[in-house]
């Protein structure tokens, strides 16, 4: 619920969102629950699919036979300006970006990530958020959407691989040799976690040693849920290291995620422009 509210632009959610990304230690104290208590999800078998989360403001459960009175009414969803399906390209582009934002944040959060089957290719229940009683196209997975929404599926695959590639996202590693703590919180300014009611730009940095113990593994995720773009100053890296942009959900499918580090754009100044309602993931690397 916290991530749903923040990602659609609600105010007053920055602090709670940062806690969720770091594994919800405010809810699951590590001394009592260990380090793996948090199971993170934005959608599940109950409620809207991820596609429907950004397609409908209201539930559409008429087919269930209860005059649309069944199912949760407080969904923290947003239809991006049009209820239901639309031919408007700007609305569909925004919906797709919000789905990718959710996937990126989920895969860069401490704890066990869980996503609903079909979310990776834009499956819909046509606004029905209580479809357990439907054994038809409302509740079935439409595998034809896999080809239609191939770029979304590719993005999910990338983010799963990215999470596996960077163990620091999943939990403790050896400490980084640089000055970076294991986790740190930021806003549009580095090391500033004094989140206000209107804060809609947050950053989280994870730092440790990589698996072969030859270099620091430093990952920064920057979230902008605002309807305006923002300039973001990144945490300063050790000499000889630069931030490279691995993910930018505002870009089209050809460049929203980049596999090879040498192909990733470099932020020489340590300042990036974070487009409206977008997520950027950066990794620290040596050389220009």
Protein backbone atom coordinates (compact mmCIF):
# COMPACT_ATOMS: atom_id res chain seq x y z
CA UNK A 1 0.00 0.00 0.00
CA UNK A 2 2.83 2.43 0.83
CA UNK A 3 4.51 1.82 -2.52
CA UNK A 4 1.23 2.04 -4.39
CA UNK A 5 0.52 5.42 -2.84
CA UNK A 6 4.01 6.82 -3.42
CA UNK A 7 4.37 5.58 -6.99
CA UNK A 8 1.12 7.21 -8.08
CA UNK A 9 2.20 10.52 -6.60
CA UNK A 10 0.52 10.76 -3.20
CA UNK A 11 2.09 13.17 -0.74
CA UNK A 12 3.50 12.24 2.65
CA UNK A 13 4.72 8.79 1.56
CA UNK A 14 8.47 9.27 1.10
CA UNK A 15 9.54 8.13 4.57
CA UNK A 16 7.36 5.02 4.56
CA UNK A 17 8.51 4.16 1.04
CA UNK A 18 12.17 4.31 2.06
CA UNK A 19 11.42 1.93 4.95
CA UNK A 20 9.75 -0.54 2.60
CA UNK A 21 12.68 -0.51 0.18
CA UNK A 22 15.04 -1.25 3.07
CA UNK A 23 13.07 -4.29 4.16
CA UNK A 24 10.52 -2.79 6.57
CA UNK A 25 12.70 -3.06 9.64
CA UNK A 26 10.23 -0.79 11.41
CA UNK A 27 7.70 -3.63 11.11
CA UNK A 28 10.10 -6.57 11.36
CA UNK A 29 12.94 -5.69 13.79
CA UNK A 30 15.97 -7.75 12.70
CA UNK A 31 16.83 -8.58 16.32
CA UNK A 32 13.47 -10.32 16.68
CA UNK A 33 12.60 -11.42 13.16
CA UNK A 34 15.95 -11.87 11.45
CA UNK A 35 16.94 -10.27 8.17
CA UNK A 36 14.53 -12.07 5.83
CA UNK A 37 11.08 -11.46 7.32
CA UNK A 38 9.82 -9.02 4.70
CA UNK A 39 8.01 -10.46 1.69
CA UNK A 40 7.56 -7.54 -0.70
CA UNK A 41 4.71 -7.27 -3.17
CA UNK A 42 2.75 -4.52 -4.89
CA UNK A 43 0.12 -6.85 -6.37
CA UNK A 44 -0.93 -10.40 -5.51
CA UNK A 45 -3.73 -12.88 -6.28
CA UNK A 46 -6.23 -10.67 -4.45
CA UNK A 47 -7.04 -7.26 -5.93
CA UNK A 48 -5.95 -5.59 -9.15
CA UNK A 49 -3.27 -6.92 -11.43
CA UNK A 50 -0.37 -4.55 -12.02
CA UNK A 51 -1.83 -3.59 -15.40
CA UNK A 52 -5.22 -2.87 -13.85
CA UNK A 53 -3.61 -0.92 -11.00
CA UNK A 54 -2.80 1.82 -13.53
CA UNK A 55 -5.87 1.37 -15.72
CA UNK A 56 -8.76 1.66 -13.27
CA UNK A 57 -9.63 4.01 -10.43
CA UNK A 58 -12.52 1.82 -9.35
CA UNK A 59 -13.24 -1.90 -9.20
CA UNK A 60 -15.45 -3.35 -11.94
CA UNK A 61 -16.83 -6.54 -10.38
CA UNK A 62 -20.29 -6.59 -11.99
CA UNK A 63 -19.74 -10.05 -13.44
CA UNK A 64 -19.45 -11.47 -9.91
CA UNK A 65 -23.17 -11.04 -9.32
CA UNK A 66 -23.11 -8.78 -6.26
CA UNK A 67 -23.84 -5.44 -7.91
CA UNK A 68 -20.18 -4.49 -7.61
CA UNK A 69 -20.38 -4.55 -3.79
CA UNK A 70 -17.80 -7.31 -3.33
CA UNK A 71 -14.05 -6.77 -3.34
CA UNK A 72 -11.91 -4.05 -1.82
CA UNK A 73 -12.86 -0.48 -2.69
CA UNK A 74 -9.65 1.14 -1.41
CA UNK A 75 -7.16 0.03 -4.06
CA UNK A 76 -4.70 2.95 -4.13
CA UNK A 77 -4.85 2.68 -7.92
CA UNK A 78 -4.74 5.34 -10.62
CA UNK A 79 -6.13 5.17 -14.14
CA UNK A 80 -3.70 7.81 -15.51
CA UNK A 81 -6.61 10.01 -16.54
CA UNK A 82 -8.83 7.57 -18.43
CA UNK A 83 -10.89 4.78 -16.87
CA UNK A 84 -10.27 1.47 -18.63
CA UNK A 85 -8.84 0.77 -22.05
CA UNK A 86 -7.91 3.67 -24.32
CA UNK A 87 -6.26 4.37 -27.66
CA UNK A 88 -4.47 7.43 -26.27
CA UNK A 89 -0.77 6.80 -26.72
CA UNK A 90 0.30 9.22 -23.97
CA UNK A 91 -1.89 7.43 -21.43
CA UNK A 92 -0.70 3.98 -22.48
CA UNK A 93 2.95 5.10 -22.37
CA UNK A 94 2.47 6.44 -18.85
CA UNK A 95 0.75 3.24 -17.73
CA UNK A 96 3.59 1.15 -19.10
CA UNK A 97 6.15 3.36 -17.37
CA UNK A 98 4.37 3.03 -14.03
CA UNK A 99 4.37 -0.75 -14.39
CA UNK A 100 8.12 -0.67 -15.01
CA UNK A 101 8.61 1.67 -12.05
CA UNK A 102 6.87 -0.85 -9.82
CA UNK A 103 8.98 -3.74 -11.14
CA UNK A 104 12.21 -1.78 -10.72
CA UNK A 105 11.49 -0.80 -7.12
CA UNK A 106 10.29 -4.29 -6.19
CA UNK A 107 13.48 -5.89 -7.49
CA UNK A 108 15.68 -3.33 -5.74
CA UNK A 109 14.13 -3.77 -2.29
CA UNK A 110 15.46 -5.79 0.63
CA UNK A 111 13.37 -8.86 1.39
CA UNK A 112 11.81 -11.51 -0.82
CA UNK A 113 10.15 -10.06 -3.95
CA UNK A 114 6.82 -11.52 -5.04
CA UNK A 115 4.89 -10.52 -8.14
CA UNK A 116 1.62 -11.80 -9.54
CA UNK A 117 1.86 -14.23 -12.44
CA UNK A 118 0.99 -12.35 -15.61
CA UNK A 119 2.11 -8.96 -14.35
CA UNK A 120 5.31 -9.46 -16.31
CA UNK A 121 3.37 -9.28 -19.58
CA UNK A 122 0.52 -6.93 -18.68
CA UNK A 123 -2.25 -9.41 -17.90
CA UNK A 124 -5.61 -7.87 -17.07
CA UNK A 125 -8.72 -8.90 -15.17
CA UNK A 126 -10.61 -6.02 -16.82
CA UNK A 127 -10.86 -4.12 -13.55
CA UNK A 128 -12.21 -7.06 -11.54
CA UNK A 129 -10.39 -7.12 -8.20
CA UNK A 130 -12.20 -10.15 -6.77
CA UNK A 131 -12.04 -12.62 -9.64
CA UNK A 132 -11.76 -15.85 -7.64
CA UNK A 133 -15.31 -16.82 -8.71
CA UNK A 134 -14.59 -16.45 -12.43
CA UNK A 135 -13.35 -19.44 -14.41
CA UNK A 136 -13.15 -17.63 -17.74
CA UNK A 137 -11.15 -14.94 -19.56
CA UNK A 138 -11.51 -12.63 -16.55
CA UNK A 139 -9.28 -14.80 -14.37
CA UNK A 140 -7.30 -16.74 -16.97
CA UNK A 141 -3.81 -15.70 -18.05
CA UNK A 142 -3.90 -14.44 -21.63
CA UNK A 143 -0.57 -15.63 -23.01
CA UNK A 144 -1.20 -13.74 -26.24
CA UNK A 145 -0.28 -10.63 -24.27
CA UNK A 146 3.26 -11.95 -23.90
CA UNK A 147 4.03 -11.07 -27.50
CA UNK A 148 2.03 -7.85 -27.44
CA UNK A 149 3.82 -6.63 -24.31
CA UNK A 150 7.23 -8.14 -25.03
CA UNK A 151 9.11 -5.02 -23.89
CA UNK A 152 7.50 -5.19 -20.44
CA UNK A 153 8.38 -8.88 -20.19
CA UNK A 154 11.97 -8.11 -21.21
CA UNK A 155 12.14 -5.43 -18.53
CA UNK A 156 10.97 -7.85 -15.83
CA UNK A 157 13.60 -10.36 -16.99
CA UNK A 158 16.26 -7.67 -16.85
CA UNK A 159 15.32 -6.61 -13.32
CA UNK A 160 15.35 -10.19 -12.04
CA UNK A 161 18.81 -10.65 -13.56
CA UNK A 162 19.95 -7.31 -12.15
CA UNK A 163 18.86 -8.36 -8.66
CA UNK A 164 20.77 -11.63 -8.96
CA UNK A 165 23.84 -9.82 -10.29
CA UNK A 166 24.01 -7.45 -7.31
CA UNK A 167 23.87 -9.41 -4.01
CA UNK A 168 23.95 -6.16 -2.04
CA UNK A 169 20.32 -5.63 -3.06
CA UNK A 170 19.29 -8.92 -1.48
CA UNK A 171 21.10 -8.68 1.85
CA UNK A 172 24.37 -8.28 3.69
CA UNK A 173 27.69 -8.67 1.91
CA UNK A 174 31.17 -7.77 3.05
CA UNK A 175 31.39 -4.04 3.87
CA UNK A 176 32.42 -1.69 1.10
CA UNK A 177 35.99 -0.44 1.28
CA UNK A 178 34.78 3.03 0.36
CA UNK A 179 33.08 5.32 2.86
CA UNK A 180 29.62 4.15 1.85
CA UNK A 181 27.51 2.46 4.54
CA UNK A 182 25.60 -0.67 3.62
CA UNK A 183 22.42 1.33 3.01
CA UNK A 184 21.77 5.06 2.92
CA UNK A 185 18.83 7.33 2.14
CA UNK A 186 18.79 10.44 -0.04
CA UNK A 187 16.42 12.85 -1.73
CA UNK A 188 17.17 15.10 -4.71
CA UNK A 189 20.24 15.98 -2.63
CA UNK A 190 22.71 13.35 -1.42
CA UNK A 191 22.57 12.25 2.22
CA UNK A 192 19.40 14.27 2.78
CA UNK A 193 16.64 12.06 4.19
CA UNK A 194 14.74 14.88 5.84
CA UNK A 195 11.62 13.97 3.91
CA UNK A 196 8.78 16.46 3.90
CA UNK A 197 5.07 16.14 3.13
CA UNK A 198 5.67 17.14 -0.49
CA UNK A 199 8.82 15.04 -1.04
CA UNK A 200 8.35 12.91 -4.12
CA UNK A 201 11.99 12.24 -5.00
CA UNK A 202 13.89 9.72 -2.92
CA UNK A 203 17.11 7.80 -3.40
CA UNK A 204 18.44 4.63 -1.80
CA UNK A 205 22.06 3.50 -2.06
CA UNK A 206 23.25 -0.04 -1.37
CA UNK A 207 26.98 -0.66 -0.95
CA UNK A 208 29.19 -3.67 -0.22
CA UNK A 209 31.82 -5.91 -1.78
CA UNK A 210 31.02 -7.89 -4.90
CA UNK A 211 31.00 -11.66 -4.91
CA UNK A 212 34.62 -12.10 -6.03
CA UNK A 213 35.77 -9.53 -3.45
CA UNK A 214 37.68 -7.45 -6.00
CA UNK A 215 35.68 -4.22 -5.94
CA UNK A 216 32.87 -2.41 -4.22
CA UNK A 217 29.35 -3.05 -5.48
CA UNK A 218 27.41 0.23 -5.20
CA UNK A 219 23.88 0.59 -6.54
CA UNK A 220 21.71 3.70 -6.34
CA UNK A 221 18.00 3.74 -7.10
CA UNK A 222 16.31 7.11 -7.61
CA UNK A 223 12.51 7.42 -7.64
CA UNK A 224 10.53 10.39 -8.89
CA UNK A 225 6.77 10.07 -8.38
CA UNK A 226 6.21 13.74 -9.17
CA UNK A 227 4.44 14.88 -12.34
CA UNK A 228 7.42 17.20 -12.93
CA UNK A 229 11.03 16.35 -13.63
CA UNK A 230 13.76 17.03 -11.04
CA UNK A 231 17.49 17.52 -11.03
CA UNK A 232 19.10 14.96 -8.75
CA UNK A 233 22.58 15.22 -7.28
CA UNK A 234 24.05 11.78 -6.70
CA UNK A 235 26.24 10.72 -3.76
CA UNK A 236 29.89 11.42 -4.55
CA UNK A 237 31.86 8.32 -5.45
CA UNK A 238 35.51 7.53 -4.61
CA UNK A 239 38.15 8.88 -7.00
CA UNK A 240 38.21 7.06 -10.29
CA UNK A 241 34.63 5.82 -10.06
CA UNK A 242 31.61 7.17 -11.95
CA UNK A 243 27.90 6.58 -11.88
CA UNK A 244 26.59 4.68 -14.90
CA UNK A 245 22.87 4.58 -15.71
CA UNK A 246 21.67 0.98 -15.93
CA UNK A 247 17.92 1.71 -15.93
CA UNK A 248 15.84 4.72 -16.89
CA UNK A 249 12.16 3.84 -17.11
CA UNK A 250 11.38 7.10 -18.92
CA UNK A 251 13.26 5.87 -21.98
CA UNK A 252 11.73 3.70 -24.66
CA UNK A 253 12.18 -0.08 -24.68
CA UNK A 254 15.38 0.20 -26.73
CA UNK A 255 17.23 1.97 -23.89
CA UNK A 256 15.22 1.70 -20.66
CA UNK A 257 17.60 -1.00 -19.39
CA UNK A 258 21.17 -1.73 -20.48
CA UNK A 259 22.97 -5.02 -19.89
CA UNK A 260 26.66 -4.25 -20.54
CA UNK A 261 28.21 -1.75 -18.17
CA UNK A 262 30.41 -0.27 -20.89
CA UNK A 263 27.26 0.67 -22.82
CA UNK A 264 25.63 2.47 -19.89
CA UNK A 265 25.62 6.29 -20.06
CA UNK A 266 28.01 7.94 -17.62
CA UNK A 267 27.12 10.81 -15.31
CA UNK A 268 30.43 12.70 -15.27
CA UNK A 269 29.03 15.54 -13.18
CA UNK A 270 27.25 13.38 -10.62
CA UNK A 271 24.01 15.16 -11.53
CA UNK A 272 21.15 13.57 -13.49
CA UNK A 273 17.77 14.75 -14.67
CA UNK A 274 15.03 12.49 -13.37
CA UNK A 275 12.04 12.71 -15.67
CA UNK A 276 8.46 12.84 -14.35
CA UNK A 277 7.09 9.64 -12.82
CA UNK A 278 10.22 7.64 -13.52
CA UNK A 279 12.82 5.45 -11.84
CA UNK A 280 16.55 5.48 -12.51
CA UNK A 281 19.03 2.83 -11.32
CA UNK A 282 22.75 3.57 -11.38
CA UNK A 283 25.82 1.47 -10.66
CA UNK A 284 29.29 2.64 -9.69
CA UNK A 285 32.07 1.68 -12.05
CA UNK A 286 35.72 2.55 -12.56
CA UNK A 287 36.83 4.57 -15.57
CA UNK A 288 34.96 6.89 -17.91
